Amino acid sequence: MTPRAVSAADEGLLNCHSCGLLSKNVPNAHDRCPRCGAHLHLRKPDSLARTWALLIAAFLLYIPANILPVMHTASIIYEEDDTIMSGVVYLWTSGSWPLAILVFCASVTVPLAKLIALSVLAWTAQHKSTWRQQERTRLYRLVEFVGRWSMLDIFVVTLMVGLVHFQSLATISAGPGAVAFAAVVVLTMFAAMSFDPRLIWDPEQKQDD
């Protein structure tokens, strides 16, 4: 029989979220890390409640992010509003299919996959599930890793605005969809930061006790 791994909580130790220093857990004391001064908690306070609140807000904003224009183009002869999907279709039909696939994945698929993945993590942690704990931990790491690449669409819009203004051929401005999309990305990143991955393994320890 494989012996169960001993966690810091089992030994009455608190792990500092800022510098990683282990300190003794003193009950009913508002401890601070002796090295960096950060507040010490056995688990992130209200982790699941904060994660759910941020996820729900991100889900609600995901709808206007995809149906409202992210970019408004105006020149002497025409004006045009583009959503994320209309931009993908334009890139595809104009022959830039690699860029179309990249924008579609970064702006539509990845944000939705992150929202679903974080929802699964929060739901299983809330119900104290022991289902596929290692895979769920890897999933959380993957969500954190891809989060830094989710602003690609905003970068593209910002770059085009700068280039067009430089050439003085037309004007491009960000639409309300870009604001909603940026809010979805930021809220999802905060939701990932609010989720405490140690909650995935807590049910296993309670079963052993």
Foldseek 3Di string as FASTA:
>chain_A
DDDDDDDLVNVQWWADPPPRDIDHHDPPDQDADPPPRHTTDNFQPPLLVLLVVLLVLLVVLLVLLQVWFFKWKFAPPDIDGHHLVNVLVVCVVVPVNVVSVVSCCLQPVLLVVLSVLLVVLSVCLVVLHLPPLVVNVVSLVVSLVCLVVNCVVVVVQVVVQVVCVVVVRIHMDTTPSNVSSVSSSVSSNVSSVSHTSVSNCVSVVVVVD
